[in-house]
Protein backbone atom coordinates (compact mmCIF):
# COMPACT_ATOMS: atom_id res chain seq x y z
CA MET A 1 39.41 1.19 -6.37
CA GLU A 2 38.92 3.86 -8.92
CA TRP A 3 36.30 6.61 -8.58
CA PRO A 4 34.35 5.82 -11.77
CA PHE A 5 33.88 2.24 -10.55
CA ILE A 6 32.60 3.44 -7.15
CA VAL A 7 30.29 5.96 -8.81
CA ALA A 8 28.89 3.22 -11.08
CA ILE A 9 28.23 0.91 -8.12
CA VAL A 10 26.51 3.70 -6.16
CA ALA A 11 24.39 4.57 -9.21
CA ILE A 12 23.34 0.95 -9.71
CA ILE A 13 22.49 0.47 -6.03
CA GLY A 14 20.61 3.78 -5.97
CA GLY A 15 18.65 2.83 -9.10
CA LEU A 16 17.69 -0.55 -7.65
CA GLY A 17 16.65 1.06 -4.38
CA TYR A 18 14.54 3.61 -6.20
CA ALA A 19 12.89 0.90 -8.34
CA ALA A 20 12.07 -1.12 -5.21
CA PHE A 21 10.60 1.98 -3.55
CA GLU A 22 8.44 2.74 -6.61
CA GLU A 23 7.16 -0.85 -6.75
CA ARG A 24 6.31 -0.79 -3.04
CA GLU A 25 4.45 2.51 -3.44
CA LYS A 26 2.50 1.18 -6.43
CA THR A 27 1.44 -1.87 -4.40
CA ARG A 28 0.47 0.31 -1.42
CA ARG A 29 -1.64 2.61 -3.63
CA ALA A 30 -3.43 -0.40 -5.13
CA GLN A 31 -4.18 -1.78 -1.65
CA LEU A 32 -5.54 1.59 -0.52
CA ALA A 33 -7.74 1.81 -3.61
CA ASN A 34 -9.14 -1.68 -2.92
CA ALA A 35 -9.81 -0.81 0.70
CA ALA A 36 -11.57 2.41 -0.31
CA GLU A 37 -13.73 0.49 -2.77
CA GLY A 38 -14.75 -1.95 -0.02
CA ASP A 39 -15.53 0.95 2.30
CA THR A 40 -17.67 2.58 -0.39
CA ASP A 41 -19.69 -0.62 -0.77
CA ARG A 42 -20.15 -0.92 3.01
CA ILE A 43 -21.23 2.71 3.29
CA ALA A 44 -23.77 2.27 0.50
CA ALA A 45 -25.22 -0.81 2.23
CA LEU A 46 -25.43 1.05 5.56
CA GLU A 47 -27.13 4.03 3.92
CA GLU A 48 -29.73 1.70 2.43
CA ARG A 49 -30.36 0.14 5.85
CA VAL A 50 -30.77 3.59 7.42
CA ARG A 51 -33.27 4.60 4.69
CA THR A 52 -35.25 1.43 5.38
CA LEU A 53 -35.26 2.06 9.12
CA GLU A 54 -36.30 5.68 8.61
CA ARG A 55 -39.15 4.54 6.43
CA ILE A 56 -40.31 2.07 9.10
CA VAL A 57 -40.02 4.52 11.98
CA THR A 58 -41.79 7.36 10.18
CA ASP A 59 -44.63 5.06 9.08
CA ARG A 60 -47.87 5.88 10.92
CA GLY A 61 -48.57 2.16 11.43
CA PHE A 62 -45.34 1.83 13.38
CA GLU A 63 -46.35 4.71 15.64
CA LEU A 64 -49.72 3.10 16.30
CA GLU A 65 -48.13 -0.25 17.15
CA GLU A 66 -45.78 1.47 19.59
CA GLU A 67 -48.71 3.26 21.21
CA PHE A 68 -50.61 -0.03 21.56
CA ARG A 69 -47.55 -1.66 23.15
CA ARG A 70 -47.23 1.21 25.62
CA LEU A 71 -50.92 0.95 26.50
CA GLU A 72 -50.70 -2.82 26.95
CA ARG A 73 -47.71 -2.47 29.28
CA SER A 74 -49.40 0.19 31.36
CA ALA A 75 -52.64 -1.82 31.67
């Protein structure tokens, strides 16, 4: 075989390999972006739940109910 032919084959194979690598990386980046978006939604929902729980726990009515429950148990 002649050198120019071998060089052309190596260049073609290298180009195809590089194109496949780029496509795989693009797909991986898209999957990571989708996963991050899902995580952001879950975090926002959890933060809202924590705010609600904080509001309940810091409510004076909640403290009174807890005190009544403690008194009933000790009676």
